[in-house]
N, C-alpha and C. Protein backbone atom coordinates (compact mmCIF):
# COMPACT_ATOMS: atom_id res chain seq x y z
N MET A 1 254.69 210.71 76.55
CA MET A 1 253.91 209.59 75.55
C MET A 1 252.85 209.86 74.65
N SER A 2 252.16 211.51 75.71
CA SER A 2 250.69 212.21 75.27
C SER A 2 251.58 212.78 73.58
N ASN A 3 252.67 212.78 73.64
CA ASN A 3 252.89 213.26 72.25
C ASN A 3 252.92 212.52 71.32
N GLU A 4 253.50 211.00 71.81
CA GLU A 4 253.78 209.96 70.63
C GLU A 4 252.06 209.66 70.43
N GLN A 5 251.26 209.63 70.99
CA GLN A 5 250.36 209.50 71.08
C GLN A 5 249.54 210.24 69.76
N GLU A 6 249.55 212.02 69.89
CA GLU A 6 249.48 212.65 69.15
C GLU A 6 249.81 212.23 67.55
N THR A 7 251.37 212.29 68.02
CA THR A 7 251.92 211.97 65.99
C THR A 7 250.52 211.35 65.35
N PRO A 8 250.25 209.95 65.60
CA PRO A 8 249.49 208.86 64.47
C PRO A 8 248.92 209.47 64.62
N ALA A 9 247.94 210.17 65.43
CA ALA A 9 246.21 210.79 65.00
C ALA A 9 246.26 211.67 64.31
N ALA A 10 247.80 212.78 63.84
CA ALA A 10 247.17 213.48 63.12
C ALA A 10 247.81 213.40 61.45
N ALA A 11 248.52 212.00 61.45
CA ALA A 11 248.42 211.51 60.19
C ALA A 11 247.83 211.49 58.99
N PRO A 12 246.64 210.65 59.46
CA PRO A 12 245.47 210.81 58.48
C PRO A 12 245.12 212.28 57.98
N ALA A 13 245.18 213.33 59.06
CA ALA A 13 244.34 214.42 58.83
C ALA A 13 245.09 215.14 57.17
N THR A 14 246.41 214.79 57.48
CA THR A 14 247.41 215.40 56.18
C THR A 14 247.33 214.47 55.14
N SER A 15 247.50 213.13 54.93
CA SER A 15 247.31 212.52 53.88
C SER A 15 245.96 212.08 53.27
N ALA A 16 244.92 212.52 53.81
CA ALA A 16 243.42 211.99 53.32
C ALA A 16 243.34 213.36 52.09
N PRO A 17 243.31 214.36 52.48
CA PRO A 17 243.41 215.54 51.45
C PRO A 17 243.98 215.20 50.45
N ALA A 18 245.19 214.71 50.37
CA ALA A 18 245.94 214.26 49.09
C ALA A 18 245.47 213.29 48.45
N VAL A 19 244.81 212.06 48.82
CA VAL A 19 243.78 211.02 48.48
C VAL A 19 242.86 211.55 47.31
N ALA A 20 242.44 212.26 48.17
CA ALA A 20 240.59 212.83 47.42
C ALA A 20 241.30 213.70 46.15
N ALA A 21 242.08 214.47 46.53
CA ALA A 21 242.55 215.33 45.37
C ALA A 21 243.30 214.95 44.27
N ALA A 22 243.73 213.19 44.13
CA ALA A 22 244.12 212.73 43.20
C ALA A 22 243.30 211.90 42.41
N GLU A 23 242.03 211.84 43.24
CA GLU A 23 240.73 210.77 42.36
C GLU A 23 240.52 211.28 41.11
N PRO A 24 240.32 212.82 40.75
CA PRO A 24 239.44 213.45 40.02
C PRO A 24 240.50 213.41 38.64
N LYS A 25 242.02 213.41 39.02
CA LYS A 25 243.35 213.72 38.12
C LYS A 25 243.23 212.40 37.28
N VAL A 26 242.86 211.05 38.24
CA VAL A 26 243.18 209.72 37.44
C VAL A 26 241.61 209.80 36.81
N GLU A 27 240.46 210.49 37.18
CA GLU A 27 239.35 209.94 36.24
C GLU A 27 239.32 211.37 34.81
N THR A 28 239.70 212.45 35.17
CA THR A 28 240.50 213.13 33.74
C THR A 28 240.88 212.31 32.66
N LYS A 29 242.13 211.73 33.35
CA LYS A 29 243.07 211.00 32.46
C LYS A 29 242.16 210.07 31.50
N VAL A 30 241.56 209.23 31.90
CA VAL A 30 240.80 207.99 31.66
C VAL A 30 239.70 208.59 30.83
N SER A 31 239.18 209.58 30.85
CA SER A 31 238.20 210.28 30.32
C SER A 31 239.13 210.67 28.77
N ALA A 32 240.14 211.22 28.90
CA ALA A 32 240.89 211.99 28.29
C ALA A 32 241.18 211.09 27.64
N ALA A 33 241.93 209.53 27.95
CA ALA A 33 242.34 208.65 27.07
C ALA A 33 240.97 207.79 25.92
N MET A 34 239.91 208.07 26.77
CA MET A 34 238.95 207.53 26.20
C MET A 34 238.25 208.14 24.62
N ALA A 35 238.69 209.48 24.88
CA ALA A 35 238.53 210.08 24.01
C ALA A 35 239.30 209.72 22.52
N ASN A 36 240.51 209.45 22.94
CA ASN A 36 241.46 209.27 21.54
C ASN A 36 241.01 207.61 20.87
N ALA A 37 240.09 207.00 21.41
CA ALA A 37 239.59 205.60 20.74
C ALA A 37 238.21 206.27 19.68
N GLU A 38 237.95 207.06 19.51
CA GLU A 38 236.76 207.42 18.57
C GLU A 38 237.35 208.49 17.28
N PHE A 39 237.03 208.35 16.24
CA PHE A 39 237.21 209.36 15.45
C PHE A 39 235.70 210.15 15.34
N HIS A 40 235.77 211.64 14.87
CA HIS A 40 234.70 212.15 14.52
C HIS A 40 234.71 212.93 13.62
N PRO A 41 233.81 213.02 12.72
CA PRO A 41 233.78 213.89 11.87
C PRO A 41 234.09 215.55 11.84
N GLY A 42 235.03 216.25 11.20
CA GLY A 42 235.92 217.04 11.44
C GLY A 42 237.03 217.05 11.87
N ASP A 43 237.36 216.05 12.88
CA ASP A 43 238.99 215.43 13.19
C ASP A 43 239.88 215.25 12.13
N PRO A 44 240.85 215.72 12.90
CA PRO A 44 242.28 215.98 11.61
C PRO A 44 242.63 214.49 11.05
N MET A 45 243.12 214.33 10.02
CA MET A 45 243.03 213.04 9.45
C MET A 45 244.53 212.41 9.84
N VAL A 46 245.56 213.33 10.18
CA VAL A 46 246.58 213.24 11.33
C VAL A 46 246.74 214.54 11.81
N ARG A 47 247.14 214.21 13.00
CA ARG A 47 247.92 215.09 14.04
C ARG A 47 249.70 215.69 13.19
N PRO A 48 249.52 216.58 13.29
CA PRO A 48 250.98 217.29 13.48
C PRO A 48 251.99 216.36 13.66
N GLY A 49 252.87 215.94 12.92
CA GLY A 49 254.32 215.79 13.37
C GLY A 49 254.26 214.15 13.69
N MET A 50 252.76 213.77 13.50
CA MET A 50 252.73 212.17 13.27
C MET A 50 251.88 211.50 12.45
N ASN A 51 251.84 210.31 12.38
CA ASN A 51 251.37 209.36 11.44
C ASN A 51 250.61 208.07 12.04
N TRP A 52 249.81 207.17 10.99
CA TRP A 52 249.23 205.88 11.30
C TRP A 52 250.19 204.90 11.24
N PHE A 53 250.30 204.31 12.03
CA PHE A 53 250.82 202.59 11.94
C PHE A 53 249.71 201.86 12.47
N VAL A 54 250.15 200.21 11.50
CA VAL A 54 249.32 199.16 12.40
C VAL A 54 249.71 198.25 13.18
N LEU A 55 249.44 197.97 14.09
CA LEU A 55 249.78 196.64 15.08
C LEU A 55 249.23 195.40 15.33
N ARG A 56 249.73 194.83 15.19
CA ARG A 56 249.40 193.45 14.81
C ARG A 56 249.19 192.95 16.65
N VAL A 57 247.91 192.42 16.94
CA VAL A 57 247.45 192.01 18.18
C VAL A 57 246.95 190.62 18.17
N ALA A 58 247.18 190.10 19.43
CA ALA A 58 245.97 188.99 19.52
C ALA A 58 244.64 188.80 19.31
N SER A 59 244.34 187.57 18.71
CA SER A 59 242.83 187.87 18.48
C SER A 59 241.69 187.57 19.05
N ASN A 60 240.87 188.80 19.65
CA ASN A 60 239.56 189.17 20.35
C ASN A 60 240.54 190.08 21.07
N LYS A 61 241.53 190.21 21.10
CA LYS A 61 242.22 191.48 22.13
C LYS A 61 241.94 192.65 21.89
N GLU A 62 241.80 192.83 20.41
CA GLU A 62 241.81 194.56 19.73
C GLU A 62 241.17 195.61 21.03
N SER A 63 240.22 195.16 21.19
CA SER A 63 239.76 196.70 22.32
C SER A 63 240.08 196.39 23.54
N SER A 64 240.50 195.25 24.30
CA SER A 64 241.56 195.43 25.71
C SER A 64 243.30 196.28 25.24
N VAL A 65 243.61 195.85 24.46
CA VAL A 65 244.97 196.61 23.56
C VAL A 65 244.71 197.91 23.49
N ARG A 66 243.93 198.39 22.82
CA ARG A 66 243.75 199.91 22.44
C ARG A 66 243.23 200.52 24.04
N ASP A 67 242.69 199.76 24.40
CA ASP A 67 242.35 200.39 25.90
C ASP A 67 243.13 200.66 27.16
N THR A 68 243.97 199.22 27.35
CA THR A 68 245.46 199.30 27.87
C THR A 68 246.19 200.63 27.45
N LEU A 69 246.68 200.47 26.31
CA LEU A 69 247.71 201.63 25.73
C LEU A 69 247.16 202.91 26.10
N LEU A 70 245.82 203.43 25.91
CA LEU A 70 245.07 204.67 26.04
C LEU A 70 245.70 204.96 27.50
N ARG A 71 245.33 204.28 28.20
CA ARG A 71 245.34 204.44 29.71
C ARG A 71 246.91 204.61 30.07
N LYS A 72 247.84 203.76 29.55
CA LYS A 72 249.00 203.85 29.64
C LYS A 72 249.82 204.94 29.39
N VAL A 73 249.61 205.64 28.10
CA VAL A 73 249.64 206.99 27.13
C VAL A 73 249.25 207.98 28.26
N GLN A 74 248.39 208.04 28.83
CA GLN A 74 247.65 209.02 29.76
C GLN A 74 248.73 208.63 31.25
N ILE A 75 249.00 208.23 31.44
CA ILE A 75 249.39 207.88 33.04
C ILE A 75 250.97 208.48 32.75
N GLU A 76 251.53 207.76 31.50
CA GLU A 76 252.92 208.04 31.74
C GLU A 76 253.28 209.25 30.47
N SER A 77 252.11 210.19 30.73
CA SER A 77 252.14 211.64 30.08
C SER A 77 253.20 211.06 28.40
N MET A 78 252.72 210.77 27.83
CA MET A 78 253.23 210.50 26.16
C MET A 78 252.30 210.78 25.47
N SER A 79 251.40 211.78 25.63
CA SER A 79 250.19 211.88 24.74
C SER A 79 250.73 213.02 23.50
N HIS A 80 252.21 213.41 23.47
CA HIS A 80 252.44 214.02 22.88
C HIS A 80 253.71 213.44 21.49
N LEU A 81 253.31 212.02 21.98
CA LEU A 81 254.04 210.97 20.98
C LEU A 81 253.39 210.47 20.39
N VAL A 82 252.27 209.86 21.44
CA VAL A 82 251.12 209.02 20.49
C VAL A 82 249.78 209.52 20.80
N GLY A 83 249.27 209.48 19.75
CA GLY A 83 247.98 210.05 19.57
C GLY A 83 246.97 209.14 19.93
N ARG A 84 245.75 209.22 18.67
CA ARG A 84 244.63 208.32 18.95
C ARG A 84 245.01 206.70 18.51
N ILE A 85 244.11 205.88 19.10
CA ILE A 85 244.35 204.26 19.03
C ILE A 85 242.82 203.68 18.75
N LEU A 86 243.05 203.23 17.40
CA LEU A 86 241.63 203.09 16.81
C LEU A 86 241.33 201.54 16.54
N VAL A 87 240.38 201.21 16.90
CA VAL A 87 239.59 199.59 16.46
C VAL A 87 238.07 199.47 15.81
N PRO A 88 238.56 199.71 14.37
CA PRO A 88 237.40 200.46 13.77
C PRO A 88 236.10 198.93 13.81
N THR A 89 235.27 199.35 14.36
CA THR A 89 233.64 198.62 14.27
C THR A 89 232.72 198.57 12.70
N GLU A 90 231.65 197.70 13.15
CA GLU A 90 230.69 198.11 12.18
C GLU A 90 229.21 197.51 13.40
N LYS A 91 228.32 198.17 13.69
CA LYS A 91 227.04 197.88 14.16
C LYS A 91 226.44 197.47 12.93
N THR A 92 225.55 196.28 13.18
CA THR A 92 224.57 195.35 11.98
C THR A 92 223.57 195.07 13.28
N LYS A 93 222.02 195.02 12.52
CA LYS A 93 220.96 194.48 12.99
C LYS A 93 220.40 193.37 12.45
N THR A 94 219.92 192.37 13.12
CA THR A 94 219.35 191.38 12.05
C THR A 94 218.15 191.42 13.10
N VAL A 95 217.07 190.38 12.36
CA VAL A 95 215.67 190.53 12.57
C VAL A 95 215.28 188.97 12.93
N LYS A 96 215.37 188.22 13.81
CA LYS A 96 214.61 186.64 13.76
C LYS A 96 213.51 186.58 14.65
N ALA A 97 212.50 186.02 13.83
CA ALA A 97 211.66 185.95 14.74
C ALA A 97 210.50 187.22 15.78
N GLY A 98 211.05 188.10 14.79
CA GLY A 98 210.60 189.56 15.22
C GLY A 98 211.24 190.20 16.31
N LYS A 99 212.02 189.22 16.53
CA LYS A 99 213.13 190.13 17.78
C LYS A 99 214.47 190.52 17.36
N GLN A 100 214.76 191.85 17.41
CA GLN A 100 215.72 192.55 17.05
C GLN A 100 217.28 192.36 17.47
N ARG A 101 218.31 192.18 17.04
CA ARG A 101 219.25 191.95 17.67
C ARG A 101 220.60 192.99 17.16
N ILE A 102 221.31 193.84 17.82
CA ILE A 102 222.48 194.86 17.23
C ILE A 102 223.80 194.04 17.76
N THR A 103 224.45 194.02 16.56
CA THR A 103 226.06 193.22 16.93
C THR A 103 226.70 194.65 16.66
N GLU A 104 227.86 193.79 17.33
CA GLU A 104 228.91 195.10 16.94
C GLU A 104 230.04 194.03 15.98
N THR A 105 230.90 194.30 15.08
CA THR A 105 232.12 193.51 14.71
C THR A 105 233.25 194.21 13.94
N LYS A 106 234.26 193.62 14.63
CA LYS A 106 235.41 194.36 14.59
C LYS A 106 236.17 194.28 12.59
N LEU A 107 235.95 195.04 12.13
CA LEU A 107 236.40 195.31 10.73
C LEU A 107 237.82 195.25 10.49
N TYR A 108 238.92 195.21 11.36
CA TYR A 108 240.15 194.26 10.80
C TYR A 108 240.38 193.89 12.13
N PRO A 109 240.26 192.43 11.80
CA PRO A 109 240.20 191.23 12.94
C PRO A 109 241.97 191.32 13.42
N GLY A 110 242.59 191.18 14.09
CA GLY A 110 244.13 191.14 14.74
C GLY A 110 244.57 192.40 14.30
N TYR A 111 244.23 193.67 14.77
CA TYR A 111 245.13 195.04 13.88
C TYR A 111 243.99 195.64 14.96
N VAL A 112 245.36 196.69 15.20
CA VAL A 112 245.22 198.00 16.12
C VAL A 112 245.53 199.25 15.07
N PHE A 113 245.12 200.41 14.83
CA PHE A 113 245.30 201.27 14.50
C PHE A 113 246.05 202.59 15.03
N VAL A 114 247.37 203.00 15.30
CA VAL A 114 248.01 203.48 16.08
C VAL A 114 248.62 205.07 15.86
N GLU A 115 248.05 206.20 16.23
CA GLU A 115 248.61 207.48 15.59
C GLU A 115 249.85 207.81 16.34
N MET A 116 251.09 207.68 16.20
CA MET A 116 252.23 208.14 16.80
C MET A 116 253.46 208.62 16.30
N LYS A 117 254.44 209.55 16.68
CA LYS A 117 255.51 210.30 16.43
C LYS A 117 256.70 209.23 16.48
N LEU A 118 257.37 209.18 15.56
CA LEU A 118 259.06 208.44 15.11
C LEU A 118 259.56 209.33 15.51
N GLU A 119 261.10 208.71 15.67
CA GLU A 119 262.37 209.33 15.78
C GLU A 119 262.71 209.94 14.43
N ASP A 120 263.72 211.17 14.66
CA ASP A 120 264.12 211.52 13.26
C ASP A 120 264.43 210.39 11.87
N ASP A 121 265.34 209.07 12.63
CA ASP A 121 265.76 207.86 12.07
C ASP A 121 264.77 206.66 11.50
N GLY A 122 263.71 207.14 11.79
CA GLY A 122 262.19 206.41 11.68
C GLY A 122 262.16 205.17 12.66
N ARG A 123 262.87 205.23 14.30
CA ARG A 123 262.61 204.27 14.67
C ARG A 123 261.43 205.16 15.59
N ILE A 124 260.70 203.81 16.55
CA ILE A 124 259.97 204.22 17.93
C ILE A 124 260.76 204.87 18.53
N PRO A 125 260.34 205.76 19.24
CA PRO A 125 261.26 206.40 20.94
C PRO A 125 260.90 204.91 21.37
N GLN A 126 262.16 205.13 22.11
CA GLN A 126 262.49 204.00 23.19
C GLN A 126 261.52 203.79 24.59
N ASP A 127 261.11 205.12 25.08
CA ASP A 127 260.02 204.86 25.95
C ASP A 127 258.47 204.46 25.16
N VAL A 128 258.36 204.66 23.94
CA VAL A 128 257.05 204.61 23.52
C VAL A 128 256.96 202.70 23.21
N PHE A 129 258.36 202.26 22.60
CA PHE A 129 258.57 201.22 22.34
C PHE A 129 258.13 199.99 23.30
N PHE A 130 258.24 200.33 24.56
CA PHE A 130 258.60 199.58 25.64
C PHE A 130 257.54 199.62 26.29
N LEU A 131 256.33 201.04 26.04
CA LEU A 131 255.21 201.02 26.34
C LEU A 131 254.32 199.95 25.72
N ILE A 132 254.49 200.11 24.79
CA ILE A 132 253.65 199.13 23.63
C ILE A 132 253.76 197.35 23.91
N LYS A 133 255.12 197.27 23.85
CA LYS A 133 255.71 196.01 23.77
C LYS A 133 255.06 195.14 25.12
N GLU A 134 255.17 195.84 26.22
CA GLU A 134 255.07 195.34 27.20
C GLU A 134 253.59 195.22 27.37
N THR A 135 252.68 195.55 26.87
CA THR A 135 251.43 195.48 26.89
C THR A 135 251.05 193.74 26.41
N SER A 136 250.26 193.73 27.18
CA SER A 136 249.69 191.88 26.78
C SER A 136 248.87 191.90 25.64
N GLY A 137 249.10 190.65 24.71
CA GLY A 137 248.60 190.28 23.24
C GLY A 137 249.07 191.44 22.12
N VAL A 138 249.74 192.35 22.82
CA VAL A 138 250.46 192.76 21.32
C VAL A 138 251.51 192.17 20.82
N GLY A 139 251.61 192.59 19.28
CA GLY A 139 252.97 191.62 18.43
C GLY A 139 253.56 192.94 18.27
N ASP A 140 253.95 192.87 16.97
CA ASP A 140 254.86 194.15 16.38
C ASP A 140 254.30 194.90 15.32
N PHE A 141 254.35 195.79 14.72
CA PHE A 141 254.23 196.59 14.13
C PHE A 141 254.39 196.13 12.75
N VAL A 142 253.59 196.38 11.46
CA VAL A 142 253.42 195.93 10.62
C VAL A 142 255.06 197.11 9.84
N GLY A 143 255.86 196.19 8.77
CA GLY A 143 257.34 197.08 7.98
C GLY A 143 258.13 196.47 8.96
N THR A 144 259.61 197.16 9.02
CA THR A 144 260.53 196.63 9.37
C THR A 144 261.00 196.60 10.97
N LYS A 145 261.39 195.47 11.41
CA LYS A 145 261.74 195.45 12.68
C LYS A 145 262.18 196.84 13.52
N GLY A 146 261.17 197.29 14.56
CA GLY A 146 262.00 198.81 15.19
C GLY A 146 261.69 200.11 14.44
N ARG A 147 261.22 199.93 12.88
CA ARG A 147 260.97 201.01 12.13
C ARG A 147 259.58 200.42 10.90
N PRO A 148 258.90 201.09 11.78
CA PRO A 148 257.48 200.49 11.45
C PRO A 148 256.82 201.11 10.49
N THR A 149 256.16 200.57 9.26
CA THR A 149 255.92 201.57 7.84
C THR A 149 254.33 202.51 8.27
N ALA A 150 254.45 203.55 7.66
CA ALA A 150 253.27 204.50 8.03
C ALA A 150 252.41 204.03 7.01
N MET A 151 251.08 204.54 7.09
CA MET A 151 249.96 203.48 6.49
C MET A 151 249.94 204.95 5.23
N LYS A 152 249.27 204.49 3.76
CA LYS A 152 249.33 205.80 2.74
C LYS A 152 248.09 206.56 3.14
N THR A 153 247.83 207.50 2.22
CA THR A 153 246.94 208.54 2.41
C THR A 153 245.56 207.79 2.47
N HIS A 154 244.96 206.63 1.30
CA HIS A 154 244.42 206.44 0.78
C HIS A 154 244.18 205.00 1.84
N GLU A 155 244.97 204.65 2.60
CA GLU A 155 244.71 203.64 3.53
C GLU A 155 244.17 204.40 4.54
N ILE A 156 244.35 205.34 5.00
CA ILE A 156 244.19 206.35 6.00
C ILE A 156 242.95 206.68 6.10
N GLU A 157 242.52 207.27 5.01
CA GLU A 157 240.61 207.46 4.73
C GLU A 157 240.32 206.45 4.65
N LYS A 158 240.42 205.04 4.37
CA LYS A 158 239.76 204.14 4.79
C LYS A 158 239.16 203.44 6.22
N MET A 159 240.60 203.65 6.69
CA MET A 159 240.69 203.36 7.82
C MET A 159 239.54 204.33 8.69
N LEU A 160 239.77 205.53 8.85
CA LEU A 160 238.83 206.36 9.47
C LEU A 160 237.50 206.76 9.30
N ALA A 161 237.35 206.29 7.87
CA ALA A 161 235.85 206.05 7.50
C ALA A 161 235.33 204.72 8.37
N ALA A 162 235.85 204.04 8.37
CA ALA A 162 235.13 203.10 9.05
C ALA A 162 235.53 203.25 10.65
N SER A 163 236.25 204.12 11.00
CA SER A 163 236.15 204.73 12.60
C SER A 163 235.38 205.31 13.24
N LEU A 164 234.28 206.05 12.14
CA LEU A 164 233.20 207.14 12.66
C LEU A 164 232.44 206.20 13.81
N LYS A 165 232.03 206.83 14.77
CA LYS A 165 231.44 206.32 15.47
C LYS A 165 229.88 205.59 15.11
N PRO A 166 230.04 204.02 15.43
CA PRO A 166 228.79 203.22 14.99
C PRO A 166 227.38 204.01 15.28
N GLU A 167 226.20 204.60 14.39
CA GLU A 167 224.83 204.89 14.67
C GLU A 167 224.70 204.06 15.96
N ASP A 168 223.31 204.62 16.90
CA ASP A 168 222.80 203.90 17.63
C ASP A 168 221.77 203.01 17.55
N GLN A 169 221.32 203.18 15.84
CA GLN A 169 220.29 202.63 15.44
C GLN A 169 220.51 202.12 14.13
N PRO A 170 221.43 201.31 14.05
CA PRO A 170 221.72 201.12 12.25
C PRO A 170 220.66 200.08 11.38
N GLN A 171 220.65 200.19 10.50
CA GLN A 171 219.91 199.52 9.72
C GLN A 171 220.36 198.20 9.50
N VAL A 172 219.26 197.35 9.19
CA VAL A 172 219.55 195.95 9.08
C VAL A 172 219.98 195.60 7.47
N LYS A 173 221.08 194.76 7.38
CA LYS A 173 222.18 194.73 6.75
C LYS A 173 221.76 193.37 5.90
N LEU A 174 221.51 193.52 4.57
CA LEU A 174 221.03 192.47 4.03
C LEU A 174 221.40 191.86 2.79
N VAL A 175 221.78 190.83 2.62
CA VAL A 175 222.83 189.89 1.97
C VAL A 175 222.55 189.73 0.75
N PHE A 176 220.95 189.84 0.55
CA PHE A 176 220.48 189.42 -0.95
C PHE A 176 220.23 190.04 -1.71
N GLU A 177 220.26 190.12 -2.90
CA GLU A 177 220.01 191.37 -3.93
C GLU A 177 219.17 191.31 -4.36
N LYS A 178 218.00 192.16 -5.39
CA LYS A 178 217.09 192.04 -6.01
C LYS A 178 216.91 191.21 -7.47
N GLY A 179 216.30 190.68 -7.77
CA GLY A 179 216.51 189.19 -8.64
C GLY A 179 216.94 188.50 -8.47
N GLU A 180 217.73 188.01 -7.55
CA GLU A 180 218.29 186.76 -6.93
C GLU A 180 217.21 185.74 -6.90
N GLN A 181 217.75 184.70 -7.26
CA GLN A 181 216.96 183.39 -6.73
C GLN A 181 217.46 182.63 -5.43
N VAL A 182 216.34 182.54 -4.47
CA VAL A 182 216.43 181.88 -3.37
C VAL A 182 215.24 180.89 -2.79
N THR A 183 215.85 180.37 -1.85
CA THR A 183 214.78 179.04 -1.39
C THR A 183 214.42 178.99 0.02
N ILE A 184 213.44 179.26 0.16
CA ILE A 184 212.45 179.06 1.48
C ILE A 184 212.53 178.07 2.40
N LYS A 185 213.67 178.35 3.45
CA LYS A 185 213.71 177.30 4.50
C LYS A 185 213.16 177.24 5.69
N GLU A 186 212.32 178.02 5.76
CA GLU A 186 211.58 178.14 7.07
C GLU A 186 210.18 178.83 6.90
N GLY A 187 208.85 178.44 7.55
CA GLY A 187 208.10 178.84 7.66
C GLY A 187 206.63 177.90 6.51
N PRO A 188 205.72 178.63 6.30
CA PRO A 188 204.84 177.73 5.55
C PRO A 188 205.13 177.65 4.07
N PHE A 189 205.69 178.71 3.63
CA PHE A 189 206.21 178.16 2.50
C PHE A 189 207.67 177.20 2.12
N GLN A 190 207.79 176.47 3.34
CA GLN A 190 209.50 175.83 3.40
C GLN A 190 209.35 174.94 2.05
N GLY A 191 210.57 174.78 1.39
CA GLY A 191 210.47 174.27 0.00
C GLY A 191 210.43 174.91 -0.96
N TYR A 192 210.23 176.09 -1.10
CA TYR A 192 209.39 176.60 -2.74
C TYR A 192 210.90 177.55 -2.47
N GLU A 193 210.94 177.63 -3.89
CA GLU A 193 211.73 178.55 -4.97
C GLU A 193 211.03 179.84 -5.43
N GLY A 194 212.31 181.17 -5.07
CA GLY A 194 211.32 182.42 -5.24
C GLY A 194 212.19 183.31 -6.16
N THR A 195 212.03 184.47 -6.34
CA THR A 195 213.01 185.50 -6.41
C THR A 195 212.96 186.91 -5.95
N VAL A 196 213.92 187.42 -5.13
CA VAL A 196 213.91 188.56 -4.60
C VAL A 196 212.84 189.75 -5.22
N ASP A 197 212.11 190.31 -4.56
CA ASP A 197 211.45 191.12 -5.18
C ASP A 197 212.08 192.99 -4.98
N GLU A 198 212.27 192.50 -3.33
CA GLU A 198 212.43 194.12 -2.99
C GLU A 198 213.03 193.65 -1.57
N LEU A 199 213.95 194.57 -1.21
CA LEU A 199 214.31 194.41 0.22
C LEU A 199 214.02 195.50 0.79
N LEU A 200 213.51 195.39 2.09
CA LEU A 200 213.00 196.21 2.87
C LEU A 200 213.90 196.01 4.07
N PRO A 201 215.13 196.80 4.38
CA PRO A 201 215.74 197.04 5.62
C PRO A 201 215.09 197.51 6.75
N ASP A 202 214.33 198.58 6.84
CA ASP A 202 213.48 199.08 7.55
C ASP A 202 213.15 198.06 8.25
N LYS A 203 212.27 197.55 7.89
CA LYS A 203 211.71 196.36 9.01
C LYS A 203 212.48 194.79 8.91
N GLY A 204 213.57 194.92 8.38
CA GLY A 204 214.26 193.83 8.26
C GLY A 204 214.25 192.71 6.98
N LEU A 205 213.41 192.95 6.15
CA LEU A 205 212.15 192.18 5.61
C LEU A 205 212.77 191.71 3.81
N VAL A 206 212.46 190.51 3.09
CA VAL A 206 212.94 190.44 2.01
C VAL A 206 211.72 190.05 1.16
N ARG A 207 211.27 190.94 0.35
CA ARG A 207 209.86 190.53 -0.27
C ARG A 207 210.24 189.28 -1.50
N VAL A 208 209.74 188.27 -1.47
CA VAL A 208 210.00 187.30 -2.36
C VAL A 208 209.15 186.88 -3.51
N LEU A 209 209.04 186.37 -4.67
CA LEU A 209 207.97 186.27 -5.46
C LEU A 209 208.26 184.45 -5.54
N VAL A 210 206.81 184.07 -4.61
CA VAL A 210 206.88 183.06 -4.95
C VAL A 210 205.65 182.23 -6.28
N THR A 211 205.70 181.48 -7.10
CA THR A 211 204.62 180.58 -7.45
C THR A 211 203.36 179.55 -6.65
N ILE A 212 202.69 180.48 -6.84
CA ILE A 212 201.64 178.88 -5.99
C ILE A 212 200.43 179.16 -6.76
N PHE A 213 200.37 177.72 -6.75
CA PHE A 213 199.26 177.44 -8.13
C PHE A 213 198.95 178.18 -9.01
N GLY A 214 200.13 177.80 -9.75
CA GLY A 214 200.55 178.51 -11.25
C GLY A 214 200.39 179.97 -11.42
N ARG A 215 200.58 180.76 -9.96
CA ARG A 215 200.46 182.31 -10.14
C ARG A 215 201.65 183.05 -9.10
N GLN A 216 202.29 184.02 -9.54
CA GLN A 216 203.53 184.43 -8.91
C GLN A 216 202.58 185.72 -7.45
N ALA A 217 202.77 184.93 -6.60
CA ALA A 217 202.53 185.89 -5.17
C ALA A 217 203.59 186.40 -4.49
N PRO A 218 203.69 187.76 -3.95
CA PRO A 218 204.80 187.89 -3.33
C PRO A 218 204.59 187.56 -1.63
N VAL A 219 205.58 187.34 -0.82
CA VAL A 219 205.65 186.81 -0.09
C VAL A 219 206.91 187.72 0.83
N GLU A 220 206.70 188.30 2.55
CA GLU A 220 207.35 188.70 3.15
C GLU A 220 208.03 188.22 4.14
N LEU A 221 209.20 187.81 4.08
CA LEU A 221 209.82 186.96 4.21
C LEU A 221 211.15 187.77 5.76
N GLU A 222 211.33 186.98 6.67
CA GLU A 222 212.69 187.51 7.40
C GLU A 222 214.06 186.89 6.81
N GLU A 223 215.50 187.83 6.98
CA GLU A 223 216.42 187.53 6.13
C GLU A 223 217.03 185.75 6.61
N TRP A 224 216.91 184.83 7.49
CA TRP A 224 216.93 183.99 8.30
C TRP A 224 216.10 183.25 7.85
N GLN A 225 215.12 183.18 7.02
CA GLN A 225 213.92 182.00 7.04
C GLN A 225 213.97 181.94 5.13
N ILE A 226 215.16 182.84 4.38
CA ILE A 226 215.79 182.52 3.22
C ILE A 226 216.98 181.97 2.76
N SER A 227 217.36 181.28 2.01
CA SER A 227 219.01 181.19 1.47
C SER A 227 218.94 180.75 0.41
N LYS A 228 220.19 180.96 -0.56
CA LYS A 228 220.77 181.17 -1.95
C LYS A 228 220.83 179.75 -2.10
N PRO A 229 220.00 179.04 -3.29
CA PRO A 229 220.16 177.74 -3.56
C PRO A 229 221.71 177.49 -3.75
N ASP A 230 221.40 176.17 -3.57
CA ASP A 230 222.91 175.18 -3.78
C ASP A 230 223.51 175.09 -5.00
N LYS A 231 224.96 175.47 -5.23
CA LYS A 231 225.71 175.52 -6.85
C LYS A 231 225.80 174.13 -6.87
N MET A 232 225.47 173.83 -7.91
CA MET A 232 225.76 172.42 -8.50
C MET A 232 227.45 172.28 -8.57
């Protein structure tokens, strides 16, 4: 009886270290996967033996597909076949009523860019094919079925330039141009028409020349307070 009681007591002592030792490995794999989700200045345009391909995915699933694929590639030790997986985004800052808001938008909705190595006949390696196709939200690669079309050099350069990590403090992206006719739709000068005199992106403002009592006067307005006149 005493031997039977000692045996189960010893089991946790041998299994506990194994579980504890496995945790750092998982964390390391996740960190390595996320490192392949960004492009930094100085990184190679294409890794040796690989090329870039365009994967169609469900709308609004771009980031989740990328993260899932990166984790699966690390877990299945396929980093020699699949490299970086990118979803280019752009950060913009808007100002309304003095409050700043930063939004991040996807530059290529419905697409994920995958760097991978193909077989000599141009096909996707079978293990990689199933790893990708069994991921929720994934469609097909651009190209012939089973043989994706590699991106051209100028396409890769444009995509990678857009994939540079967005700045933490982006400037306001203004949609108006100097000399453009606008209508003021909010504020004390609502209904007035004017001409854009200067853009002040650091402040998120547009300086508009408005004719008041027969004289032009500069008025600084937030972008949301003006609009382009309706075209007849």
